[in-house]
Amino acid sequence: MSEKGQAQTVNKKSVLRDWAESIIIALILAMIIRFFVIESFKIPTGSMRPTLLEGDLIMVNKFIYGARVPFADLRLPALRQPNRGDVVVFIYPVDRKKNFIKRLVAFGGETVEIKNGTIYINDQPLLESVFNQKYYYNRGDFAREQEKIMVPEDCLFVLGDNSASSQDSRYWGFLPKKNLLGEALLIWWPPQRIRIIK
């Protein structure tokens, strides 16, 4: 083979190697971003209506509460703790293969009661607009009428905004805090629904 032919072969191998390295680096960066920074989720049901509709694609901030390390029971340091009213994505405690999205209502050590459509935490009504503009129903074993529920430590109580049609803490109980995946940030699709989630 001539020197020119050998040079062309070397150049082709060099170009292929560069492409392969670029693709591998891009895949690694994409996995790091997906596992630790931000991830897209699709809303499958109407349990969070009117905040989120079926088919909405949302971006979830996974590092704000401390991203979970895959295949290990570890978390990165959190930027902040969850706040009441946050719309959170989590591993469903009843079936760990599923992710759910609900609104955070109460923390460990607090009592929850639903009375006349209003949520009471430690006997005080939740008056913030994300709560008081909705009617909450007494349904399930964890939201019976005239019954206060104590949320265990290291657990959360979460409800869907569409209280008439939501499988939430009223039915299956408490969300272990370790199951949190992140906070829902924004709807990014469809275009007419693009907005910050509140």
N, C-alpha and C. Protein backbone atom coordinates (compact mmCIF):
# COMPACT_ATOMS: atom_id res chain seq x y z
N MET A 1 0.86 -1.19 0.00
CA MET A 1 0.00 0.00 0.00
C MET A 1 0.90 1.24 0.00
N SER A 2 0.47 2.22 -0.77
CA SER A 2 1.27 3.45 -0.85
C SER A 2 1.17 4.24 0.44
N GLU A 3 2.10 5.17 0.58
CA GLU A 3 2.06 6.05 1.77
C GLU A 3 0.77 6.84 1.83
N LYS A 4 0.30 7.27 0.63
CA LYS A 4 -0.95 8.03 0.58
C LYS A 4 -2.12 7.18 1.05
N GLY A 5 -2.17 5.92 0.61
CA GLY A 5 -3.24 5.01 1.02
C GLY A 5 -3.20 4.74 2.52
N GLN A 6 -1.99 4.56 3.06
CA GLN A 6 -1.86 4.34 4.51
C GLN A 6 -2.32 5.57 5.29
N ALA A 7 -1.98 6.75 4.80
CA ALA A 7 -2.39 8.00 5.47
C ALA A 7 -3.91 8.13 5.47
N GLN A 8 -4.54 7.76 4.35
CA GLN A 8 -6.01 7.84 4.28
C GLN A 8 -6.66 6.87 5.26
N THR A 9 -6.09 5.66 5.36
CA THR A 9 -6.62 4.66 6.31
C THR A 9 -6.49 5.16 7.74
N VAL A 10 -5.33 5.73 8.06
CA VAL A 10 -5.11 6.28 9.41
C VAL A 10 -6.08 7.42 9.69
N ASN A 11 -6.30 8.30 8.70
CA ASN A 11 -7.24 9.42 8.87
C ASN A 11 -8.66 8.93 9.10
N LYS A 12 -9.09 7.88 8.35
CA LYS A 12 -10.44 7.32 8.53
C LYS A 12 -10.60 6.76 9.94
N LYS A 13 -9.57 6.03 10.40
CA LYS A 13 -9.61 5.47 11.76
C LYS A 13 -9.66 6.58 12.80
N SER A 14 -8.91 7.64 12.56
CA SER A 14 -8.88 8.77 13.49
C SER A 14 -10.25 9.45 13.56
N VAL A 15 -10.87 9.63 12.41
CA VAL A 15 -12.20 10.27 12.36
C VAL A 15 -13.23 9.39 13.07
N LEU A 16 -13.18 8.08 12.80
CA LEU A 16 -14.11 7.15 13.46
C LEU A 16 -13.91 7.15 14.97
N ARG A 17 -12.65 7.15 15.41
CA ARG A 17 -12.35 7.19 16.84
C ARG A 17 -12.89 8.47 17.46
N ASP A 18 -12.72 9.62 16.79
CA ASP A 18 -13.23 10.91 17.29
C ASP A 18 -14.75 10.87 17.43
N TRP A 19 -15.42 10.33 16.39
CA TRP A 19 -16.88 10.22 16.46
C TRP A 19 -17.32 9.33 17.61
N ALA A 20 -16.66 8.18 17.75
CA ALA A 20 -17.01 7.23 18.82
C ALA A 20 -16.81 7.87 20.19
N GLU A 21 -15.69 8.56 20.38
CA GLU A 21 -15.44 9.23 21.67
C GLU A 21 -16.50 10.30 21.94
N SER A 22 -16.86 11.07 20.91
CA SER A 22 -17.87 12.13 21.08
C SER A 22 -19.22 11.54 21.47
N ILE A 23 -19.59 10.44 20.81
CA ILE A 23 -20.88 9.79 21.11
C ILE A 23 -20.87 9.23 22.53
N ILE A 24 -19.79 8.58 22.93
CA ILE A 24 -19.71 8.01 24.29
C ILE A 24 -19.78 9.13 25.34
N ILE A 25 -19.06 10.20 25.12
CA ILE A 25 -19.09 11.33 26.08
C ILE A 25 -20.49 11.92 26.15
N ALA A 26 -21.15 12.08 25.00
CA ALA A 26 -22.52 12.62 24.98
C ALA A 26 -23.48 11.72 25.75
N LEU A 27 -23.34 10.40 25.56
CA LEU A 27 -24.21 9.45 26.28
C LEU A 27 -23.97 9.51 27.79
N ILE A 28 -22.71 9.57 28.19
CA ILE A 28 -22.39 9.65 29.62
C ILE A 28 -22.98 10.94 30.22
N LEU A 29 -22.80 12.07 29.53
CA LEU A 29 -23.35 13.33 30.02
C LEU A 29 -24.87 13.28 30.10
N ALA A 30 -25.52 12.67 29.09
CA ALA A 30 -26.98 12.55 29.10
C ALA A 30 -27.45 11.72 30.29
N MET A 31 -26.74 10.63 30.58
CA MET A 31 -27.11 9.78 31.73
C MET A 31 -26.92 10.52 33.05
N ILE A 32 -25.83 11.26 33.17
CA ILE A 32 -25.58 12.03 34.40
C ILE A 32 -26.70 13.06 34.59
N ILE A 33 -27.04 13.77 33.53
CA ILE A 33 -28.11 14.78 33.62
C ILE A 33 -29.42 14.12 34.00
N ARG A 34 -29.75 12.99 33.36
CA ARG A 34 -31.02 12.31 33.62
C ARG A 34 -31.09 11.78 35.06
N PHE A 35 -30.01 11.20 35.55
CA PHE A 35 -30.03 10.61 36.89
C PHE A 35 -29.94 11.65 38.00
N PHE A 36 -29.20 12.74 37.77
CA PHE A 36 -28.88 13.63 38.88
C PHE A 36 -29.40 15.06 38.74
N VAL A 37 -29.80 15.50 37.56
CA VAL A 37 -30.11 16.92 37.39
C VAL A 37 -31.57 17.13 37.03
N ILE A 38 -31.97 16.72 35.85
CA ILE A 38 -33.33 17.01 35.39
C ILE A 38 -33.81 15.86 34.51
N GLU A 39 -35.09 15.55 34.59
CA GLU A 39 -35.65 14.46 33.79
C GLU A 39 -37.05 14.85 33.34
N SER A 40 -37.43 14.34 32.19
CA SER A 40 -38.76 14.59 31.64
C SER A 40 -39.69 13.44 32.03
N PHE A 41 -40.93 13.79 32.37
CA PHE A 41 -41.96 12.81 32.69
C PHE A 41 -43.23 13.17 31.93
N LYS A 42 -44.03 12.16 31.61
CA LYS A 42 -45.32 12.37 30.96
C LYS A 42 -46.44 12.11 31.96
N ILE A 43 -47.43 13.00 31.99
CA ILE A 43 -48.55 12.86 32.92
C ILE A 43 -49.56 11.88 32.32
N PRO A 44 -49.81 10.73 33.00
CA PRO A 44 -50.67 9.71 32.43
C PRO A 44 -52.16 9.84 32.78
N THR A 45 -52.47 10.52 33.88
CA THR A 45 -53.87 10.57 34.35
C THR A 45 -54.27 12.00 34.70
N GLY A 46 -55.54 12.16 35.04
CA GLY A 46 -56.06 13.48 35.42
C GLY A 46 -56.05 13.75 36.91
N SER A 47 -55.22 13.03 37.67
CA SER A 47 -55.24 13.18 39.13
C SER A 47 -54.73 14.53 39.61
N MET A 48 -54.02 15.26 38.74
CA MET A 48 -53.50 16.58 39.14
C MET A 48 -54.21 17.72 38.40
N ARG A 49 -55.36 17.44 37.79
CA ARG A 49 -56.13 18.51 37.14
C ARG A 49 -56.55 19.53 38.17
N PRO A 50 -56.60 20.81 37.87
CA PRO A 50 -56.31 21.45 36.59
C PRO A 50 -54.83 21.83 36.42
N THR A 51 -54.00 21.57 37.44
CA THR A 51 -52.59 21.96 37.36
C THR A 51 -51.88 21.26 36.20
N LEU A 52 -52.08 19.95 36.11
CA LEU A 52 -51.46 19.14 35.06
C LEU A 52 -52.54 18.32 34.36
N LEU A 53 -52.45 18.25 33.05
CA LEU A 53 -53.42 17.50 32.26
C LEU A 53 -52.79 16.25 31.68
N GLU A 54 -53.61 15.27 31.35
CA GLU A 54 -53.14 14.05 30.73
C GLU A 54 -52.36 14.40 29.46
N GLY A 55 -51.18 13.81 29.33
CA GLY A 55 -50.36 14.05 28.15
C GLY A 55 -49.35 15.17 28.30
N ASP A 56 -49.48 16.00 29.34
CA ASP A 56 -48.48 17.05 29.56
C ASP A 56 -47.11 16.41 29.76
N LEU A 57 -46.08 17.00 29.16
CA LEU A 57 -44.70 16.59 29.42
C LEU A 57 -44.08 17.63 30.34
N ILE A 58 -43.52 17.17 31.44
CA ILE A 58 -42.98 18.08 32.45
C ILE A 58 -41.49 17.82 32.66
N MET A 59 -40.80 18.85 33.15
CA MET A 59 -39.40 18.71 33.55
C MET A 59 -39.37 18.67 35.08
N VAL A 60 -38.60 17.73 35.61
CA VAL A 60 -38.51 17.53 37.05
C VAL A 60 -37.08 17.78 37.51
N ASN A 61 -36.93 18.66 38.50
CA ASN A 61 -35.65 19.00 39.09
C ASN A 61 -35.29 17.89 40.08
N LYS A 62 -34.29 17.08 39.76
CA LYS A 62 -33.94 15.94 40.59
C LYS A 62 -32.88 16.25 41.64
N PHE A 63 -32.15 17.37 41.48
CA PHE A 63 -31.07 17.64 42.44
C PHE A 63 -31.52 18.51 43.60
N ILE A 64 -32.70 19.14 43.51
CA ILE A 64 -33.11 20.10 44.54
C ILE A 64 -33.26 19.45 45.91
N TYR A 65 -33.82 18.22 45.96
CA TYR A 65 -33.98 17.52 47.24
C TYR A 65 -32.83 16.55 47.51
N GLY A 66 -31.82 16.53 46.64
CA GLY A 66 -30.72 15.58 46.75
C GLY A 66 -31.01 14.38 45.88
N ALA A 67 -30.39 14.33 44.72
CA ALA A 67 -30.65 13.26 43.75
C ALA A 67 -30.27 11.90 44.33
N ARG A 68 -31.09 10.92 43.99
CA ARG A 68 -30.82 9.54 44.39
C ARG A 68 -29.70 8.98 43.52
N VAL A 69 -28.79 8.25 44.12
CA VAL A 69 -27.72 7.58 43.38
C VAL A 69 -28.28 6.25 42.88
N PRO A 70 -28.25 6.01 41.55
CA PRO A 70 -28.81 4.77 41.01
C PRO A 70 -28.14 3.53 41.61
N PHE A 71 -28.97 2.51 41.85
CA PHE A 71 -28.51 1.20 42.33
C PHE A 71 -27.85 1.27 43.70
N ALA A 72 -28.12 2.32 44.45
CA ALA A 72 -27.59 2.44 45.82
C ALA A 72 -28.61 3.20 46.66
N ASP A 73 -28.58 2.97 47.94
CA ASP A 73 -29.50 3.66 48.84
C ASP A 73 -28.83 4.94 49.35
N LEU A 74 -28.35 5.77 48.42
CA LEU A 74 -27.64 6.99 48.76
C LEU A 74 -28.25 8.18 48.04
N ARG A 75 -28.02 9.37 48.61
CA ARG A 75 -28.47 10.62 48.00
C ARG A 75 -27.34 11.62 48.00
N LEU A 76 -27.35 12.47 46.97
CA LEU A 76 -26.43 13.61 46.96
C LEU A 76 -26.97 14.66 47.93
N PRO A 77 -26.16 15.61 48.38
CA PRO A 77 -26.66 16.65 49.29
C PRO A 77 -27.79 17.46 48.63
N ALA A 78 -28.79 17.81 49.42
CA ALA A 78 -29.94 18.58 48.93
C ALA A 78 -29.64 20.06 48.89
N LEU A 79 -30.24 20.77 47.95
CA LEU A 79 -30.16 22.23 47.92
C LEU A 79 -31.11 22.82 48.95
N ARG A 80 -32.28 22.18 49.09
CA ARG A 80 -33.25 22.60 50.11
C ARG A 80 -34.18 21.43 50.42
N GLN A 81 -34.89 21.56 51.52
CA GLN A 81 -35.87 20.56 51.90
C GLN A 81 -37.18 20.83 51.15
N PRO A 82 -38.01 19.80 50.99
CA PRO A 82 -39.31 20.02 50.34
C PRO A 82 -40.16 21.01 51.13
N ASN A 83 -40.97 21.77 50.43
CA ASN A 83 -41.90 22.73 51.05
C ASN A 83 -43.34 22.27 50.86
N ARG A 84 -44.18 22.64 51.82
CA ARG A 84 -45.60 22.36 51.67
C ARG A 84 -46.10 23.06 50.40
N GLY A 85 -46.84 22.33 49.59
CA GLY A 85 -47.35 22.89 48.35
C GLY A 85 -46.53 22.53 47.13
N ASP A 86 -45.31 22.01 47.32
CA ASP A 86 -44.50 21.58 46.18
C ASP A 86 -45.23 20.46 45.44
N VAL A 87 -45.13 20.47 44.11
CA VAL A 87 -45.61 19.35 43.31
C VAL A 87 -44.42 18.41 43.14
N VAL A 88 -44.53 17.21 43.70
CA VAL A 88 -43.39 16.31 43.78
C VAL A 88 -43.62 15.02 42.97
N VAL A 89 -42.53 14.52 42.41
CA VAL A 89 -42.53 13.22 41.73
C VAL A 89 -41.81 12.25 42.66
N PHE A 90 -42.36 11.04 42.78
CA PHE A 90 -41.82 10.08 43.74
C PHE A 90 -42.06 8.65 43.27
N ILE A 91 -41.33 7.74 43.89
CA ILE A 91 -41.54 6.31 43.66
C ILE A 91 -42.78 5.91 44.46
N TYR A 92 -43.75 5.35 43.77
CA TYR A 92 -45.01 4.94 44.39
C TYR A 92 -44.73 3.84 45.42
N PRO A 93 -45.09 4.04 46.69
CA PRO A 93 -44.73 3.05 47.72
C PRO A 93 -45.37 1.68 47.52
N VAL A 94 -46.52 1.63 46.86
CA VAL A 94 -47.23 0.36 46.67
C VAL A 94 -46.61 -0.46 45.53
N ASP A 95 -46.07 0.21 44.52
CA ASP A 95 -45.44 -0.46 43.38
C ASP A 95 -44.22 0.35 42.98
N ARG A 96 -43.04 -0.08 43.40
CA ARG A 96 -41.81 0.70 43.21
C ARG A 96 -41.38 0.83 41.75
N LYS A 97 -42.09 0.17 40.84
CA LYS A 97 -41.78 0.30 39.42
C LYS A 97 -42.47 1.52 38.82
N LYS A 98 -43.38 2.15 39.59
CA LYS A 98 -44.14 3.28 39.08
C LYS A 98 -43.70 4.58 39.76
N ASN A 99 -43.78 5.68 39.01
CA ASN A 99 -43.56 7.01 39.57
C ASN A 99 -44.90 7.74 39.59
N PHE A 100 -45.15 8.46 40.68
CA PHE A 100 -46.38 9.23 40.83
C PHE A 100 -46.02 10.70 40.98
N ILE A 101 -47.03 11.55 40.78
CA ILE A 101 -46.86 12.99 41.00
C ILE A 101 -48.05 13.48 41.80
N LYS A 102 -47.80 14.19 42.88
CA LYS A 102 -48.84 14.73 43.76
C LYS A 102 -48.32 16.02 44.39
N ARG A 103 -49.19 16.66 45.16
CA ARG A 103 -48.81 17.88 45.87
C ARG A 103 -48.53 17.55 47.34
N LEU A 104 -47.42 18.06 47.84
CA LEU A 104 -47.01 17.82 49.23
C LEU A 104 -47.89 18.63 50.18
N VAL A 105 -48.49 17.92 51.13
CA VAL A 105 -49.45 18.54 52.05
C VAL A 105 -48.92 18.60 53.49
N ALA A 106 -48.34 17.49 53.96
CA ALA A 106 -47.93 17.45 55.38
C ALA A 106 -46.64 16.67 55.56
N PHE A 107 -45.97 16.98 56.67
CA PHE A 107 -44.67 16.39 57.01
C PHE A 107 -44.81 15.46 58.21
N GLY A 108 -43.75 14.67 58.45
CA GLY A 108 -43.72 13.80 59.61
C GLY A 108 -43.93 14.59 60.90
N GLY A 109 -44.76 14.04 61.80
CA GLY A 109 -45.04 14.70 63.07
C GLY A 109 -46.25 15.61 63.03
N GLU A 110 -46.83 15.83 61.86
CA GLU A 110 -48.02 16.69 61.74
C GLU A 110 -49.28 15.83 61.65
N THR A 111 -50.40 16.43 62.10
CA THR A 111 -51.69 15.76 61.93
C THR A 111 -52.40 16.34 60.71
N VAL A 112 -53.11 15.48 60.00
CA VAL A 112 -53.86 15.87 58.81
C VAL A 112 -55.32 15.51 59.02
N GLU A 113 -56.20 16.46 58.67
CA GLU A 113 -57.63 16.18 58.70
C GLU A 113 -58.28 16.92 57.53
N ILE A 114 -59.21 16.25 56.87
CA ILE A 114 -60.00 16.90 55.82
C ILE A 114 -61.40 17.11 56.38
N LYS A 115 -61.80 18.38 56.41
CA LYS A 115 -63.08 18.74 57.02
C LYS A 115 -63.80 19.73 56.12
N ASN A 116 -65.00 19.34 55.66
CA ASN A 116 -65.81 20.20 54.78
C ASN A 116 -65.01 20.67 53.56
N GLY A 117 -64.20 19.77 53.00
CA GLY A 117 -63.47 20.08 51.79
C GLY A 117 -62.16 20.83 51.99
N THR A 118 -61.83 21.15 53.25
CA THR A 118 -60.61 21.91 53.57
C THR A 118 -59.62 21.00 54.30
N ILE A 119 -58.34 21.19 54.00
CA ILE A 119 -57.29 20.43 54.68
C ILE A 119 -56.88 21.19 55.94
N TYR A 120 -56.80 20.47 57.05
CA TYR A 120 -56.32 21.05 58.31
C TYR A 120 -55.03 20.34 58.70
N ILE A 121 -54.01 21.13 59.00
CA ILE A 121 -52.73 20.60 59.48
C ILE A 121 -52.57 21.09 60.92
N ASN A 122 -52.44 20.15 61.85
CA ASN A 122 -52.36 20.49 63.28
C ASN A 122 -53.49 21.44 63.66
N ASP A 123 -54.70 21.12 63.20
CA ASP A 123 -55.94 21.86 63.51
C ASP A 123 -56.03 23.24 62.86
N GLN A 124 -55.09 23.58 61.98
CA GLN A 124 -55.12 24.88 61.29
C GLN A 124 -55.42 24.66 59.80
N PRO A 125 -56.40 25.40 59.24
CA PRO A 125 -56.72 25.21 57.81
C PRO A 125 -55.58 25.71 56.92
N LEU A 126 -55.38 25.01 55.81
CA LEU A 126 -54.41 25.46 54.81
C LEU A 126 -55.09 26.52 53.95
N LEU A 127 -54.62 27.75 54.05
CA LEU A 127 -55.27 28.87 53.37
C LEU A 127 -54.53 29.33 52.12
N GLU A 128 -53.36 28.72 51.83
CA GLU A 128 -52.63 29.09 50.62
C GLU A 128 -53.49 28.78 49.39
N SER A 129 -53.34 29.59 48.34
CA SER A 129 -54.21 29.46 47.17
C SER A 129 -54.12 28.09 46.50
N VAL A 130 -52.95 27.43 46.58
CA VAL A 130 -52.84 26.10 45.95
C VAL A 130 -53.70 25.06 46.65
N PHE A 131 -54.14 25.36 47.88
CA PHE A 131 -54.99 24.44 48.63
C PHE A 131 -56.44 24.93 48.75
N ASN A 132 -56.63 26.21 49.05
CA ASN A 132 -57.98 26.64 49.40
C ASN A 132 -58.90 26.88 48.21
N GLN A 133 -58.39 26.73 46.98
CA GLN A 133 -59.24 26.87 45.80
C GLN A 133 -59.73 25.52 45.29
N LYS A 134 -59.50 24.48 46.07
CA LYS A 134 -59.92 23.13 45.69
C LYS A 134 -60.78 22.54 46.81
N TYR A 135 -61.61 21.59 46.44
CA TYR A 135 -62.40 20.86 47.43
C TYR A 135 -61.79 19.48 47.59
N TYR A 136 -61.44 19.12 48.82
CA TYR A 136 -60.84 17.82 49.10
C TYR A 136 -61.88 16.90 49.74
N TYR A 137 -61.96 15.68 49.23
CA TYR A 137 -62.97 14.72 49.67
C TYR A 137 -62.42 13.79 50.74
N ASN A 138 -63.31 13.41 51.66
CA ASN A 138 -62.97 12.39 52.66
C ASN A 138 -63.16 11.02 52.01
N ARG A 139 -62.07 10.44 51.58
CA ARG A 139 -62.11 9.12 50.94
C ARG A 139 -60.90 8.33 51.38
N GLY A 140 -61.05 7.01 51.39
CA GLY A 140 -59.93 6.14 51.74
C GLY A 140 -59.75 5.99 53.25
N ASP A 141 -58.86 5.08 53.61
CA ASP A 141 -58.63 4.76 55.02
C ASP A 141 -57.86 5.84 55.76
N PHE A 142 -57.23 6.77 55.02
CA PHE A 142 -56.39 7.78 55.67
C PHE A 142 -56.99 9.19 55.57
N ALA A 143 -58.32 9.25 55.36
CA ALA A 143 -58.97 10.56 55.29
C ALA A 143 -60.45 10.44 55.66
N ARG A 144 -60.71 9.66 56.67
CA ARG A 144 -62.10 9.50 57.11
C ARG A 144 -62.60 10.78 57.77
N GLU A 145 -63.91 10.98 57.70
CA GLU A 145 -64.49 12.18 58.32
C GLU A 145 -64.26 12.15 59.82
N GLN A 146 -64.00 13.34 60.37
CA GLN A 146 -63.79 13.54 61.80
C GLN A 146 -62.67 12.65 62.35
N GLU A 147 -61.64 12.47 61.54
CA GLU A 147 -60.51 11.66 61.97
C GLU A 147 -59.21 12.36 61.59
N LYS A 148 -58.35 12.54 62.57
CA LYS A 148 -57.03 13.13 62.32
C LYS A 148 -56.03 12.00 62.13
N ILE A 149 -55.17 12.19 61.16
CA ILE A 149 -54.13 11.20 60.88
C ILE A 149 -52.77 11.81 61.23
N MET A 150 -51.97 11.08 61.99
CA MET A 150 -50.62 11.53 62.33
C MET A 150 -49.64 10.99 61.30
N VAL A 151 -48.89 11.87 60.67
CA VAL A 151 -47.90 11.47 59.67
C VAL A 151 -46.65 11.01 60.41
N PRO A 152 -46.17 9.79 60.14
CA PRO A 152 -44.96 9.30 60.82
C PRO A 152 -43.72 10.13 60.44
N GLU A 153 -42.74 10.11 61.31
CA GLU A 153 -41.47 10.78 61.02
C GLU A 153 -40.86 10.20 59.74
N ASP A 154 -40.12 11.03 59.01
CA ASP A 154 -39.49 10.64 57.75
C ASP A 154 -40.48 10.22 56.68
N CYS A 155 -41.73 10.68 56.84
CA CYS A 155 -42.75 10.41 55.83
C CYS A 155 -43.45 11.72 55.46
N LEU A 156 -44.19 11.67 54.37
CA LEU A 156 -44.95 12.82 53.87
C LEU A 156 -46.37 12.39 53.56
N PHE A 157 -47.27 13.36 53.51
CA PHE A 157 -48.66 13.12 53.11
C PHE A 157 -48.88 13.93 51.85
N VAL A 158 -49.30 13.26 50.77
CA VAL A 158 -49.43 13.92 49.47
C VAL A 158 -50.84 13.70 48.92
N LEU A 159 -51.35 14.72 48.22
CA LEU A 159 -52.69 14.65 47.63
C LEU A 159 -52.64 15.12 46.18
N GLY A 160 -53.52 14.56 45.37
CA GLY A 160 -53.70 15.05 44.01
C GLY A 160 -54.58 16.29 44.02
N ASP A 161 -54.34 17.20 43.09
CA ASP A 161 -55.17 18.41 43.01
C ASP A 161 -56.60 18.08 42.61
N ASN A 162 -56.79 16.99 41.89
CA ASN A 162 -58.13 16.55 41.50
C ASN A 162 -58.61 15.53 42.53
N SER A 163 -59.07 16.04 43.65
CA SER A 163 -59.38 15.18 44.80
C SER A 163 -60.46 14.15 44.50
N ALA A 164 -61.33 14.44 43.54
CA ALA A 164 -62.40 13.49 43.20
C ALA A 164 -61.86 12.28 42.46
N SER A 165 -60.65 12.38 41.90
CA SER A 165 -60.11 11.28 41.09
C SER A 165 -58.60 11.20 41.24
N SER A 166 -58.14 10.84 42.43
CA SER A 166 -56.70 10.75 42.66
C SER A 166 -56.39 9.64 43.66
N GLN A 167 -55.53 8.71 43.25
CA GLN A 167 -55.02 7.70 44.17
C GLN A 167 -53.84 8.33 44.90
N ASP A 168 -54.08 8.78 46.12
CA ASP A 168 -53.05 9.50 46.86
C ASP A 168 -52.96 8.98 48.29
N SER A 169 -52.37 9.77 49.18
CA SER A 169 -52.15 9.32 50.56
C SER A 169 -53.44 8.98 51.29
N ARG A 170 -54.57 9.50 50.82
CA ARG A 170 -55.84 9.13 51.47
C ARG A 170 -56.10 7.64 51.37
N TYR A 171 -55.60 7.01 50.30
CA TYR A 171 -55.87 5.60 50.03
C TYR A 171 -54.72 4.69 50.45
N TRP A 172 -53.49 5.05 50.08
CA TRP A 172 -52.36 4.13 50.31
C TRP A 172 -51.46 4.54 51.47
N GLY A 173 -51.75 5.67 52.09
CA GLY A 173 -50.99 6.03 53.29
C GLY A 173 -49.87 7.01 53.06
N PHE A 174 -48.76 6.79 53.72
CA PHE A 174 -47.70 7.79 53.80
C PHE A 174 -46.58 7.52 52.80
N LEU A 175 -45.99 8.61 52.34
CA LEU A 175 -44.89 8.54 51.38
C LEU A 175 -43.57 8.61 52.14
N PRO A 176 -42.76 7.55 52.12
CA PRO A 176 -41.44 7.66 52.74
C PRO A 176 -40.64 8.76 52.04
N LYS A 177 -40.04 9.62 52.82
CA LYS A 177 -39.30 10.76 52.25
C LYS A 177 -38.20 10.30 51.30
N LYS A 178 -37.65 9.12 51.56
CA LYS A 178 -36.57 8.60 50.71
C LYS A 178 -37.05 8.28 49.29
N ASN A 179 -38.37 8.19 49.09
CA ASN A 179 -38.93 7.87 47.77
C ASN A 179 -39.02 9.10 46.86
N LEU A 180 -38.76 10.29 47.40
CA LEU A 180 -38.83 11.50 46.57
C LEU A 180 -37.81 11.44 45.44
N LEU A 181 -38.26 11.80 44.23
CA LEU A 181 -37.36 11.89 43.09
C LEU A 181 -37.03 13.32 42.74
N GLY A 182 -37.99 14.23 42.93
CA GLY A 182 -37.71 15.63 42.61
C GLY A 182 -38.97 16.48 42.60
N GLU A 183 -38.76 17.75 42.28
CA GLU A 183 -39.86 18.71 42.22
C GLU A 183 -40.20 19.01 40.76
N ALA A 184 -41.50 18.98 40.45
CA ALA A 184 -41.95 19.32 39.10
C ALA A 184 -41.73 20.81 38.86
N LEU A 185 -41.00 21.15 37.78
CA LEU A 185 -40.64 22.54 37.50
C LEU A 185 -41.56 23.21 36.50
N LEU A 186 -41.70 22.58 35.33
CA LEU A 186 -42.47 23.25 34.28
C LEU A 186 -43.05 22.24 33.31
N ILE A 187 -44.13 22.69 32.66
CA ILE A 187 -44.70 21.94 31.55
C ILE A 187 -43.98 22.43 30.30
N TRP A 188 -43.40 21.52 29.52
CA TRP A 188 -42.67 21.95 28.33
C TRP A 188 -43.35 21.51 27.03
N TRP A 189 -44.39 20.68 27.14
CA TRP A 189 -45.13 20.25 25.95
C TRP A 189 -46.53 19.85 26.38
N PRO A 190 -47.56 20.18 25.63
CA PRO A 190 -47.60 20.84 24.33
C PRO A 190 -47.33 22.34 24.44
N PRO A 191 -46.97 22.98 23.31
CA PRO A 191 -46.56 24.38 23.35
C PRO A 191 -47.56 25.32 24.00
N GLN A 192 -48.86 25.10 23.79
CA GLN A 192 -49.85 26.01 24.37
C GLN A 192 -49.98 25.85 25.88
N ARG A 193 -49.35 24.80 26.44
CA ARG A 193 -49.42 24.57 27.89
C ARG A 193 -48.11 24.93 28.59
N ILE A 194 -47.11 25.43 27.88
CA ILE A 194 -45.82 25.73 28.50
C ILE A 194 -46.01 26.73 29.63
N ARG A 195 -45.56 26.34 30.83
CA ARG A 195 -45.68 27.22 32.01
C ARG A 195 -44.90 26.62 33.18
N ILE A 196 -44.61 27.48 34.15
CA ILE A 196 -44.02 27.05 35.41
C ILE A 196 -45.12 26.38 36.23
N ILE A 197 -44.80 25.28 36.89
CA ILE A 197 -45.78 24.55 37.71
C ILE A 197 -45.82 25.17 39.10
N LYS A 198 -47.01 25.54 39.52
CA LYS A 198 -47.20 26.12 40.86
C LYS A 198 -48.22 25.32 41.63
